[in-house]
C-alpha cells in the first residue's frame, strides 16, 4: 500500500496572512514588530466535532492530531474533540463552524450541498479501487475539489482519510436491484445518493447518522449503506443481519477547519498545524491498514453475514441513468475525467 504524503506547503501557499487584531492571534505593534509576548500568552481553543465513536480510527487520528498541534504550537492551540455527533450531525457542525461556535469537522460528499464538485467524492462506481482513488485525490482533480471547498464551503482541508467501499446492510440478502423493491433505506444528505438508490428501485430517505441505529431498531428503515468501519463502530450488527457487498462507492473524507479560524493564525502557528496534519495523515493510514482487516472478522463474530453474491454490474447499470441526470454538465465532465485516471 502506498504511503500518503500530505504536503503542508501546498496549503501554506494558498493563504496570505491578513492583519489581525483579535485576542487569539498575534498582531503588529505600532513599530511593525510582532507582538510575540501576546502570542506567547494567548491560548486558542478549537472545537472539533465528528460522527465516529471513540474506538474509530478517525477519532484516534483526531486525538493524535490534537496532541501534535499542541506540541507544535507550544500549547498555544488546544483542540477539544467531540465524537459521536456531540456537536450535532455533520451538516449541523459545518453550520456551527460558519457561525463560529465550532471549528473543525470531518466531512466528505455532504459538502456537495455547498460545493458541487464535492459530489464527485462519492459518485457510485466512479473509482475502481483504492489506488485509483488516491491518484485522483492527490492529482489535479483532487486539487480542484479542494480549491472549491475552500472557496464555497468556507472550510480548509487539513488531511484526509481514504474510506473502505460502502456496502449495503439489511435483514434479508440483497443481490440484485430487483431485491430493492419496497426497501426503505437511509442515505446521507447527498442528493445524488437519493437519486441513484431510487433509480435502482429502493425507497431512500435522508437521515442524520446519529439517528440510524434507532431507525433500524424501530423498523423506520430496513437498511443503510456505509463502509465496514462505520458499520462496526455504530453497532449496526445488533440491528442488521447482512452486509451486502455492493461496494458501490470508494471515497475519501477530509478533516477541515474553518477558513476564518485558519487564516486568523500567525504564519508560525499555521506551519505547526499543517505539520501536525501531515503526521496525522500518515498515522491514520497506518491505523487503517492495521485495523481494517479486523472489521470483517469482528462483524462476523457479532452475527452479521457477508453476502458476496452481489451483481455489482447490475447495480452499476441500474444507477447510471440517475448519475447522468443528477450531475451537472461540469460535474459529469469531471466524472468522466475520473474514469480516465490511471
Protein backbone atom coordinates (compact mmCIF):
# COMPACT_ATOMS: atom_id res chain seq x y z
CA UNK A 1 0.00 0.00 0.00
CA UNK A 2 1.48 3.34 -0.99
CA UNK A 3 2.14 5.90 1.71
CA UNK A 4 0.19 9.08 1.60
CA UNK A 5 2.15 12.29 1.75
CA UNK A 6 0.38 15.47 2.64
CA UNK A 7 2.43 18.49 1.76
CA UNK A 8 1.96 21.39 4.11
CA UNK A 9 3.49 23.74 1.59
CA UNK A 10 0.52 23.25 -0.71
CA UNK A 11 -1.81 24.82 1.79
CA UNK A 12 0.69 27.29 3.19
CA UNK A 13 1.00 28.82 -0.26
CA UNK A 14 -2.76 29.18 -0.52
CA UNK A 15 -3.21 31.59 2.31
CA UNK A 16 -1.87 35.09 2.85
CA UNK A 17 -1.77 36.33 6.41
CA UNK A 18 -4.05 39.29 6.93
CA UNK A 19 -3.52 41.85 9.70
CA UNK A 20 -5.48 40.71 12.72
CA UNK A 21 -6.13 42.50 15.98
CA UNK A 22 -8.06 39.77 17.79
CA UNK A 23 -7.10 38.47 21.19
CA UNK A 24 -6.44 34.98 19.82
CA UNK A 25 -3.70 35.69 17.30
CA UNK A 26 -0.58 37.78 17.01
CA UNK A 27 -0.85 41.42 15.99
CA UNK A 28 1.52 44.09 14.75
CA UNK A 29 2.75 46.79 17.14
CA UNK A 30 3.00 50.42 16.06
CA UNK A 31 6.65 49.94 15.10
CA UNK A 32 5.79 46.94 12.89
CA UNK A 33 7.25 44.19 15.11
CA UNK A 34 5.37 41.04 16.11
CA UNK A 35 3.63 41.22 19.44
CA UNK A 36 5.33 37.99 20.48
CA UNK A 37 4.59 38.50 24.15
CA UNK A 38 0.85 38.46 23.49
CA UNK A 39 1.15 35.46 21.18
CA UNK A 40 3.09 33.52 23.79
CA UNK A 41 0.40 34.00 26.44
CA UNK A 42 -2.76 33.50 24.40
CA UNK A 43 -4.41 30.08 24.03
CA UNK A 44 -6.64 29.33 21.07
CA UNK A 45 -9.24 26.63 21.70
CA UNK A 46 -10.76 24.82 18.72
CA UNK A 47 -13.83 22.58 18.98
CA UNK A 48 -13.64 19.52 16.73
CA UNK A 49 -16.91 17.63 16.15
CA UNK A 50 -17.32 14.39 14.20
CA UNK A 51 -19.71 11.45 13.86
CA UNK A 52 -17.44 8.48 14.69
CA UNK A 53 -17.22 6.63 18.00
CA UNK A 54 -14.21 6.83 20.32
CA UNK A 55 -12.84 3.49 19.11
CA UNK A 56 -12.93 4.51 15.44
CA UNK A 57 -9.69 5.28 13.63
CA UNK A 58 -10.93 8.77 12.73
CA UNK A 59 -11.25 9.62 16.41
CA UNK A 60 -7.92 8.03 17.28
CA UNK A 61 -6.26 10.01 14.50
CA UNK A 62 -8.03 13.18 15.65
CA UNK A 63 -6.60 12.64 19.13
CA UNK A 64 -3.13 12.23 17.63
CA UNK A 65 -3.62 15.37 15.55
CA UNK A 66 -4.71 17.33 18.64
CA UNK A 67 -1.63 16.13 20.53
CA UNK A 68 0.70 17.07 17.66
CA UNK A 69 -0.86 20.52 17.24
CA UNK A 70 -0.35 21.21 20.93
CA UNK A 71 3.28 20.10 20.70
CA UNK A 72 3.99 22.07 17.52
CA UNK A 73 2.48 25.28 18.88
CA UNK A 74 3.86 25.01 22.44
CA UNK A 75 0.33 24.63 23.74
CA UNK A 76 -0.96 27.79 22.08
CA UNK A 77 -3.63 25.83 20.16
CA UNK A 78 -5.78 23.40 22.13
CA UNK A 79 -8.20 21.13 20.24
CA UNK A 80 -11.19 19.74 22.10
CA UNK A 81 -12.70 16.71 20.35
CA UNK A 82 -16.40 15.83 20.42
CA UNK A 83 -17.09 12.40 18.87
CA UNK A 84 -20.47 10.69 18.37
CA UNK A 85 -22.13 13.80 16.91
CA UNK A 86 -21.94 15.59 20.26
CA UNK A 87 -21.91 18.90 18.39
CA UNK A 88 -24.72 17.74 16.11
CA UNK A 89 -24.72 15.96 12.77
CA UNK A 90 -22.23 16.65 10.02
CA UNK A 91 -24.29 19.42 8.42
CA UNK A 92 -25.02 20.94 11.83
CA UNK A 93 -21.32 21.07 12.66
CA UNK A 94 -20.44 22.69 9.34
CA UNK A 95 -23.09 25.35 10.02
CA UNK A 96 -21.72 25.78 13.55
CA UNK A 97 -18.26 26.43 12.11
CA UNK A 98 -19.74 29.09 9.87
CA UNK A 99 -21.44 30.60 12.91
CA UNK A 100 -18.24 30.49 14.97
CA UNK A 101 -19.42 28.02 17.63
CA UNK A 102 -17.30 25.10 16.30
CA UNK A 103 -14.02 24.98 14.42
CA UNK A 104 -13.24 21.58 12.88
CA UNK A 105 -15.26 18.76 11.31
CA UNK A 106 -14.82 15.54 9.38
CA UNK A 107 -16.82 15.72 6.15
CA UNK A 108 -16.94 14.43 2.60
CA UNK A 109 -19.66 14.32 -0.03
CA UNK A 110 -22.10 16.12 2.28
CA UNK A 111 -20.27 19.30 1.29
CA UNK A 112 -21.84 18.97 -2.15
CA UNK A 113 -24.70 20.98 -0.67
CA UNK A 114 -22.34 23.98 -0.93
CA UNK A 115 -19.62 22.83 -3.33
CA UNK A 116 -20.86 20.95 -6.43
CA UNK A 117 -17.54 19.26 -7.17
CA UNK A 118 -17.58 17.67 -3.69
CA UNK A 119 -20.28 15.36 -5.03
CA UNK A 120 -17.53 13.66 -7.02
CA UNK A 121 -16.00 12.47 -3.74
CA UNK A 122 -18.62 9.72 -3.64
CA UNK A 123 -20.17 9.07 -7.05
CA UNK A 124 -21.26 5.43 -7.28
CA UNK A 125 -18.87 3.24 -9.22
CA UNK A 126 -16.57 6.16 -10.16
CA UNK A 127 -13.46 4.65 -8.55
CA UNK A 128 -12.12 1.21 -9.39
CA UNK A 129 -10.09 0.66 -6.24
CA UNK A 130 -8.06 2.48 -3.59
CA UNK A 131 -5.03 3.12 -5.82
CA UNK A 132 -7.28 4.78 -8.41
CA UNK A 133 -8.89 6.82 -5.63
CA UNK A 134 -5.56 8.08 -4.25
CA UNK A 135 -4.32 9.04 -7.72
CA UNK A 136 -7.40 11.23 -8.11
CA UNK A 137 -7.17 12.78 -4.63
CA UNK A 138 -3.52 13.73 -5.00
CA UNK A 139 -3.80 14.84 -8.62
CA UNK A 140 -5.29 17.81 -10.45
CA UNK A 141 -8.90 16.71 -9.90
CA UNK A 142 -8.36 16.44 -6.16
CA UNK A 143 -6.79 19.90 -6.08
CA UNK A 144 -9.76 21.31 -7.99
CA UNK A 145 -12.16 19.83 -5.44
CA UNK A 146 -10.12 21.19 -2.51
CA UNK A 147 -9.99 24.67 -4.02
CA UNK A 148 -13.76 24.77 -4.44
CA UNK A 149 -14.34 23.54 -0.88
CA UNK A 150 -12.17 26.38 0.44
CA UNK A 151 -13.98 28.92 -1.71
CA UNK A 152 -17.61 27.76 -1.46
CA UNK A 153 -17.87 25.83 1.82
CA UNK A 154 -15.57 28.11 3.78
CA UNK A 155 -13.51 25.21 5.14
CA UNK A 156 -9.83 24.38 4.69
CA UNK A 157 -8.90 20.69 4.22
CA UNK A 158 -6.00 19.74 6.52
CA UNK A 159 -5.66 15.99 5.89
CA UNK A 160 -7.78 13.14 4.61
CA UNK A 161 -8.72 9.52 5.19
CA UNK A 162 -9.50 7.15 2.36
CA UNK A 163 -12.57 5.09 3.11
CA UNK A 164 -13.29 1.45 2.56
CA UNK A 165 -16.01 0.82 -0.04
CA UNK A 166 -19.58 1.47 1.03
CA UNK A 167 -21.77 -1.62 1.38
CA UNK A 168 -25.50 -2.04 1.85
CA UNK A 169 -26.74 -3.62 5.09
CA UNK A 170 -30.12 -5.31 5.52
CA UNK A 171 -32.00 -8.06 7.33
CA UNK A 172 -32.54 -10.08 4.13
CA UNK A 173 -29.85 -10.68 1.47
CA UNK A 174 -29.89 -8.20 -1.41
CA UNK A 175 -28.05 -9.39 -4.51
CA UNK A 176 -29.66 -7.52 -7.41
CA UNK A 177 -31.59 -4.28 -7.89
CA UNK A 178 -34.77 -6.36 -8.08
CA UNK A 179 -34.31 -7.18 -4.38
CA UNK A 180 -34.66 -3.48 -3.51
CA UNK A 181 -38.38 -3.25 -4.22
CA UNK A 182 -40.01 -1.52 -1.24
CA UNK A 183 -36.68 -1.41 0.63
CA UNK A 184 -36.60 1.62 2.93
CA UNK A 185 -33.04 2.76 3.42
CA UNK A 186 -31.15 5.64 4.99
CA UNK A 187 -28.81 7.76 2.90
CA UNK A 188 -26.77 10.80 3.98
CA UNK A 189 -27.85 14.27 2.96
CA UNK A 190 -26.44 13.89 -0.55
CA UNK A 191 -28.96 14.43 -3.39
CA UNK A 192 -27.05 12.07 -5.70
CA UNK A 193 -27.39 9.22 -3.20
CA UNK A 194 -31.13 9.74 -3.08
CA UNK A 195 -31.34 9.68 -6.85
CA UNK A 196 -29.22 6.60 -7.55
CA UNK A 197 -30.88 4.40 -4.93
CA UNK A 198 -34.34 5.48 -6.03
CA UNK A 199 -33.38 4.73 -9.64
CA UNK A 200 -32.15 1.30 -8.55
CA UNK A 201 -35.55 0.54 -7.00
CA UNK A 202 -35.19 1.36 -3.29
CA UNK A 203 -37.07 3.89 -1.14
CA UNK A 204 -34.24 6.07 0.20
CA UNK A 205 -34.63 8.78 2.80
CA UNK A 206 -32.21 11.28 4.32
CA UNK A 207 -31.40 10.76 7.99
CA UNK A 208 -28.59 12.00 10.23
CA UNK A 209 -26.12 9.28 11.11
CA UNK A 210 -26.86 9.56 14.82
CA UNK A 211 -30.50 8.57 14.13
CA UNK A 212 -29.77 5.49 12.01
CA UNK A 213 -29.38 2.89 14.77
CA UNK A 214 -32.72 3.83 16.32
CA UNK A 215 -34.34 3.94 12.88
CA UNK A 216 -33.19 0.40 12.17
CA UNK A 217 -34.10 -0.81 15.64
CA UNK A 218 -37.64 0.58 15.40
CA UNK A 219 -38.20 -0.52 11.81
CA UNK A 220 -38.47 3.01 10.43
CA UNK A 221 -35.90 1.94 7.83
CA UNK A 222 -34.89 -1.51 6.57
CA UNK A 223 -31.23 -0.81 5.91
CA UNK A 224 -28.44 1.67 5.29
CA UNK A 225 -25.11 1.87 3.44
CA UNK A 226 -21.67 2.64 4.86
CA UNK A 227 -18.11 1.30 4.96
CA UNK A 228 -17.37 -1.59 7.32
CA UNK A 229 -15.61 0.63 9.86
CA UNK A 230 -18.72 2.71 10.49
CA UNK A 231 -20.99 -0.33 10.35
CA UNK A 232 -18.83 -1.75 13.12
CA UNK A 233 -18.36 1.36 15.27
CA UNK A 234 -22.07 2.26 15.09
CA UNK A 235 -23.08 -1.17 16.35
CA UNK A 236 -25.27 -1.96 13.36
CA UNK A 237 -24.57 -5.67 13.85
CA UNK A 238 -27.11 -5.50 16.66
CA UNK A 239 -29.90 -4.46 14.29
CA UNK A 240 -28.83 -5.78 10.86
CA UNK A 241 -28.14 -9.32 9.66
CA UNK A 242 -26.42 -8.86 6.29
CA UNK A 243 -23.59 -6.90 4.73
CA UNK A 244 -24.30 -6.98 1.00
CA UNK A 245 -21.03 -6.38 -0.84
CA UNK A 246 -22.27 -3.83 -3.34
CA UNK A 247 -19.01 -1.85 -2.98
CA UNK A 248 -20.87 0.92 -4.76
CA UNK A 249 -18.70 3.80 -3.55
CA UNK A 250 -14.99 4.22 -2.90
CA UNK A 251 -14.47 7.63 -1.38
CA UNK A 252 -12.44 9.82 0.94
CA UNK A 253 -13.19 12.24 3.71
CA UNK A 254 -11.46 15.42 4.83
CA UNK A 255 -10.60 16.83 8.23
CA UNK A 256 -11.39 20.51 7.83
CA UNK A 257 -11.03 23.73 9.79
CA UNK A 258 -12.95 26.94 9.20
CA UNK A 259 -11.21 29.35 6.83
CA UNK A 260 -11.54 32.22 9.30
CA UNK A 261 -10.06 30.18 12.11
CA UNK A 262 -7.11 29.04 10.00
CA UNK A 263 -6.46 32.38 8.33
CA UNK A 264 -6.53 34.09 11.73
CA UNK A 265 -3.38 32.23 12.79
CA UNK A 266 0.13 33.60 12.56
CA UNK A 267 2.34 32.04 9.90
CA UNK A 268 4.23 30.15 12.58
CA UNK A 269 1.06 28.63 14.04
CA UNK A 270 -0.19 27.70 10.57
CA UNK A 271 3.03 25.83 9.93
CA UNK A 272 2.61 23.98 13.21
CA UNK A 273 -0.95 22.93 12.33
CA UNK A 274 0.00 21.80 8.82
CA UNK A 275 2.99 19.82 10.05
CA UNK A 276 0.70 18.10 12.56
CA UNK A 277 -1.78 17.37 9.77
CA UNK A 278 0.91 15.71 7.66
CA UNK A 279 1.97 13.47 10.52
CA UNK A 280 -1.62 12.69 11.47
CA UNK A 281 -2.38 11.64 7.90
CA UNK A 282 0.42 9.07 7.97
CA UNK A 283 -0.66 7.89 11.41
CA UNK A 284 -4.25 7.48 10.22
CA UNK A 285 -3.17 5.47 7.21
CA UNK A 286 -1.18 3.10 9.41
CA UNK A 287 -4.24 2.62 11.62
CA UNK A 288 -6.41 1.97 8.58
CA UNK A 289 -4.07 -0.70 7.23
CA UNK A 290 -3.79 -2.37 10.63
CA UNK A 291 -7.37 -2.18 11.83
CA UNK A 292 -9.47 -2.60 8.73
CA UNK A 293 -8.59 -6.25 8.29
CA UNK A 294 -10.23 -6.87 11.65
CA UNK A 295 -13.62 -5.31 10.90
CA UNK A 296 -14.93 -8.14 8.75
CA UNK A 297 -13.97 -10.71 11.36
CA UNK A 298 -15.47 -8.61 14.16
CA UNK A 299 -18.78 -8.16 12.33
CA UNK A 300 -18.93 -11.86 11.51
CA UNK A 301 -18.30 -12.66 15.16
CA UNK A 302 -21.20 -10.39 16.10
CA UNK A 303 -23.50 -12.38 13.82
CA UNK A 304 -23.51 -10.49 10.52
CA UNK A 305 -23.47 -12.47 7.28
CA UNK A 306 -21.50 -11.26 4.28
CA UNK A 307 -23.37 -11.61 1.00
CA UNK A 308 -20.73 -11.84 -1.74
CA UNK A 309 -23.24 -12.88 -4.42
CA UNK A 310 -23.97 -9.27 -5.35
CA UNK A 311 -24.24 -8.42 -9.04
CA UNK A 312 -22.26 -5.18 -8.97
CA UNK A 313 -22.55 -4.71 -12.73
CA UNK A 314 -26.34 -4.80 -12.42
CA UNK A 315 -26.25 -2.14 -9.69
CA UNK A 316 -23.88 0.00 -11.76
CA UNK A 317 -26.15 -0.23 -14.78
CA UNK A 318 -29.25 0.50 -12.71
CA UNK A 319 -27.70 3.61 -11.17
CA UNK A 320 -26.12 5.09 -14.30
CA UNK A 321 -29.25 6.93 -15.59
CA UNK A 322 -29.55 8.72 -12.25
CA UNK A 323 -25.85 9.61 -12.28
CA UNK A 324 -26.20 11.16 -15.74
CA UNK A 325 -29.37 13.05 -14.78
CA UNK A 326 -28.16 14.19 -11.36
CA UNK A 327 -24.77 15.55 -12.31
CA UNK A 328 -24.46 18.90 -14.00
CA UNK A 329 -22.54 19.18 -17.24
CA UNK A 330 -19.46 20.29 -15.30
CA UNK A 331 -19.82 17.51 -12.74
CA UNK A 332 -20.33 14.82 -15.36
CA UNK A 333 -17.29 16.06 -17.26
CA UNK A 334 -15.27 15.71 -14.06
CA UNK A 335 -16.77 12.23 -13.52
CA UNK A 336 -15.59 11.18 -16.98
CA UNK A 337 -12.13 12.58 -16.24
CA UNK A 338 -12.03 10.50 -13.06
CA UNK A 339 -12.81 7.35 -15.02
CA UNK A 340 -9.84 8.09 -17.29
CA UNK A 341 -7.29 8.49 -14.47
CA UNK A 342 -4.91 5.53 -14.37
